[in-house]
Amino acid sequence: MTGFGKIFIVIGIVFIIIGLLWSFIGKLPGDISFKKGPVTFYFPIVTSIVASIILSLIFYLLGKIR
């Protein structure tokens, strides 16, 4: 298997893990949600920050391995 194929496998595994984690941390306290009549606005600011920290750690560790 080439190095390019391994990268795709690792990226796929990372996306699967993120998808599983996202279902558990979907709506954290601090996420902004407004509902006015039939319109709902949802902005997951805290969830985005948590996802950013997790991805930063993953990519940092992958950089150290290479």
N, C-alpha and C. Protein backbone atom coordinates (compact mmCIF):
# COMPACT_ATOMS: atom_id res chain seq x y z
N MET A 1 0.84 -1.17 0.00
CA MET A 1 0.00 0.00 0.00
C MET A 1 0.90 1.24 0.00
N THR A 2 0.51 2.20 -0.78
CA THR A 2 1.31 3.41 -0.87
C THR A 2 1.05 4.32 0.33
N GLY A 3 1.90 5.29 0.50
CA GLY A 3 1.73 6.26 1.58
C GLY A 3 0.45 7.06 1.43
N PHE A 4 0.05 7.29 0.16
CA PHE A 4 -1.17 8.04 -0.12
C PHE A 4 -2.39 7.27 0.35
N GLY A 5 -2.38 5.96 0.16
CA GLY A 5 -3.49 5.11 0.60
C GLY A 5 -3.61 5.09 2.11
N LYS A 6 -2.48 5.06 2.80
CA LYS A 6 -2.50 5.07 4.27
C LYS A 6 -3.07 6.37 4.80
N ILE A 7 -2.76 7.46 4.13
CA ILE A 7 -3.29 8.75 4.55
C ILE A 7 -4.81 8.75 4.44
N PHE A 8 -5.35 8.21 3.34
CA PHE A 8 -6.80 8.15 3.18
C PHE A 8 -7.45 7.26 4.23
N ILE A 9 -6.82 6.18 4.60
CA ILE A 9 -7.36 5.30 5.63
C ILE A 9 -7.38 6.03 6.97
N VAL A 10 -6.30 6.72 7.30
CA VAL A 10 -6.25 7.47 8.57
C VAL A 10 -7.30 8.57 8.58
N ILE A 11 -7.44 9.29 7.48
CA ILE A 11 -8.45 10.35 7.41
C ILE A 11 -9.85 9.76 7.57
N GLY A 12 -10.11 8.63 6.95
CA GLY A 12 -11.40 7.97 7.09
C GLY A 12 -11.69 7.57 8.52
N ILE A 13 -10.70 7.01 9.19
CA ILE A 13 -10.87 6.61 10.59
C ILE A 13 -11.12 7.83 11.46
N VAL A 14 -10.40 8.91 11.20
CA VAL A 14 -10.60 10.15 11.96
C VAL A 14 -12.03 10.66 11.77
N PHE A 15 -12.54 10.64 10.54
CA PHE A 15 -13.90 11.10 10.29
C PHE A 15 -14.93 10.21 10.98
N ILE A 16 -14.69 8.91 11.03
CA ILE A 16 -15.61 8.01 11.73
C ILE A 16 -15.62 8.33 13.22
N ILE A 17 -14.45 8.54 13.80
CA ILE A 17 -14.36 8.87 15.22
C ILE A 17 -15.05 10.20 15.50
N ILE A 18 -14.83 11.18 14.64
CA ILE A 18 -15.48 12.49 14.82
C ILE A 18 -17.00 12.34 14.72
N GLY A 19 -17.46 11.55 13.79
CA GLY A 19 -18.90 11.33 13.66
C GLY A 19 -19.51 10.69 14.89
N LEU A 20 -18.81 9.72 15.46
CA LEU A 20 -19.30 9.08 16.69
C LEU A 20 -19.28 10.05 17.86
N LEU A 21 -18.21 10.82 17.98
CA LEU A 21 -18.13 11.81 19.06
C LEU A 21 -19.18 12.90 18.90
N TRP A 22 -19.44 13.29 17.67
CA TRP A 22 -20.39 14.37 17.40
C TRP A 22 -21.79 13.98 17.87
N SER A 23 -22.15 12.69 17.75
CA SER A 23 -23.47 12.26 18.19
C SER A 23 -23.59 12.35 19.71
N PHE A 24 -22.46 12.23 20.43
CA PHE A 24 -22.50 12.33 21.88
C PHE A 24 -22.44 13.77 22.37
N ILE A 25 -21.70 14.63 21.67
CA ILE A 25 -21.52 16.01 22.14
C ILE A 25 -22.34 17.00 21.33
N GLY A 26 -23.33 16.53 20.60
CA GLY A 26 -24.10 17.35 19.66
C GLY A 26 -24.46 18.73 20.12
N LYS A 27 -25.16 18.86 21.24
CA LYS A 27 -25.58 20.19 21.71
C LYS A 27 -25.04 20.38 23.12
N LEU A 28 -23.95 21.09 23.22
CA LEU A 28 -23.33 21.36 24.52
C LEU A 28 -23.90 22.63 25.13
N PRO A 29 -23.80 22.76 26.45
CA PRO A 29 -24.19 24.03 27.07
C PRO A 29 -23.30 25.15 26.52
N GLY A 30 -23.89 26.25 26.19
CA GLY A 30 -23.14 27.36 25.62
C GLY A 30 -23.38 27.53 24.13
N ASP A 31 -23.97 26.52 23.50
CA ASP A 31 -24.34 26.65 22.09
C ASP A 31 -25.53 27.61 21.99
N ILE A 32 -25.54 28.42 20.97
CA ILE A 32 -26.56 29.46 20.82
C ILE A 32 -27.73 28.90 20.02
N SER A 33 -28.94 29.08 20.56
CA SER A 33 -30.14 28.59 19.89
C SER A 33 -31.27 29.59 20.09
N PHE A 34 -31.86 30.03 18.98
CA PHE A 34 -33.00 30.94 19.02
C PHE A 34 -34.16 30.29 18.29
N LYS A 35 -35.36 30.43 18.85
CA LYS A 35 -36.55 29.94 18.17
C LYS A 35 -37.59 31.04 18.20
N LYS A 36 -37.99 31.44 17.02
CA LYS A 36 -38.99 32.50 16.90
C LYS A 36 -40.02 32.05 15.87
N GLY A 37 -41.15 31.60 16.35
CA GLY A 37 -42.19 31.10 15.45
C GLY A 37 -41.72 29.83 14.76
N PRO A 38 -41.86 29.79 13.45
CA PRO A 38 -41.46 28.57 12.73
C PRO A 38 -39.96 28.50 12.40
N VAL A 39 -39.21 29.55 12.77
CA VAL A 39 -37.80 29.62 12.41
C VAL A 39 -36.94 29.30 13.63
N THR A 40 -35.98 28.41 13.45
CA THR A 40 -35.04 28.08 14.51
C THR A 40 -33.63 28.33 14.00
N PHE A 41 -32.84 29.05 14.79
CA PHE A 41 -31.44 29.32 14.45
C PHE A 41 -30.59 28.65 15.51
N TYR A 42 -29.65 27.84 15.06
CA TYR A 42 -28.78 27.12 15.98
C TYR A 42 -27.34 27.33 15.56
N PHE A 43 -26.51 27.86 16.48
CA PHE A 43 -25.09 28.06 16.20
C PHE A 43 -24.29 27.35 17.26
N PRO A 44 -23.64 26.23 16.91
CA PRO A 44 -22.93 25.41 17.90
C PRO A 44 -21.52 25.92 18.20
N ILE A 45 -21.42 27.06 18.88
CA ILE A 45 -20.12 27.68 19.12
C ILE A 45 -19.24 26.83 20.04
N VAL A 46 -19.78 26.33 21.13
CA VAL A 46 -18.98 25.53 22.06
C VAL A 46 -18.61 24.19 21.43
N THR A 47 -19.55 23.59 20.72
CA THR A 47 -19.26 22.34 20.03
C THR A 47 -18.17 22.53 18.99
N SER A 48 -18.19 23.68 18.29
CA SER A 48 -17.15 23.97 17.31
C SER A 48 -15.78 24.14 17.97
N ILE A 49 -15.75 24.78 19.12
CA ILE A 49 -14.48 24.95 19.83
C ILE A 49 -13.93 23.60 20.29
N VAL A 50 -14.80 22.75 20.83
CA VAL A 50 -14.37 21.41 21.27
C VAL A 50 -13.85 20.61 20.08
N ALA A 51 -14.58 20.65 18.95
CA ALA A 51 -14.15 19.92 17.76
C ALA A 51 -12.80 20.46 17.26
N SER A 52 -12.60 21.77 17.33
CA SER A 52 -11.35 22.36 16.89
C SER A 52 -10.18 21.90 17.76
N ILE A 53 -10.40 21.85 19.06
CA ILE A 53 -9.35 21.39 19.97
C ILE A 53 -9.00 19.93 19.71
N ILE A 54 -10.02 19.10 19.53
CA ILE A 54 -9.79 17.67 19.27
C ILE A 54 -9.04 17.49 17.96
N LEU A 55 -9.46 18.18 16.90
CA LEU A 55 -8.78 18.05 15.62
C LEU A 55 -7.35 18.57 15.68
N SER A 56 -7.14 19.65 16.42
CA SER A 56 -5.78 20.18 16.57
C SER A 56 -4.87 19.17 17.25
N LEU A 57 -5.38 18.51 18.29
CA LEU A 57 -4.60 17.48 18.98
C LEU A 57 -4.29 16.30 18.06
N ILE A 58 -5.29 15.88 17.29
CA ILE A 58 -5.09 14.75 16.38
C ILE A 58 -4.02 15.08 15.34
N PHE A 59 -4.13 16.25 14.73
CA PHE A 59 -3.16 16.62 13.70
C PHE A 59 -1.78 16.87 14.29
N TYR A 60 -1.71 17.37 15.51
CA TYR A 60 -0.43 17.56 16.19
C TYR A 60 0.24 16.20 16.41
N LEU A 61 -0.55 15.24 16.89
CA LEU A 61 0.01 13.90 17.14
C LEU A 61 0.42 13.22 15.83
N LEU A 62 -0.38 13.40 14.78
CA LEU A 62 -0.01 12.83 13.48
C LEU A 62 1.28 13.46 12.95
N GLY A 63 1.46 14.75 13.20
CA GLY A 63 2.68 15.43 12.80
C GLY A 63 3.89 14.93 13.55
N LYS A 64 3.72 14.59 14.81
CA LYS A 64 4.83 14.06 15.61
C LYS A 64 5.21 12.65 15.17
N ILE A 65 4.23 11.86 14.72
CA ILE A 65 4.50 10.49 14.25
C ILE A 65 5.31 10.51 12.97
N ARG A 66 5.02 11.42 12.07
CA ARG A 66 5.73 11.49 10.79
C ARG A 66 7.09 12.02 11.06
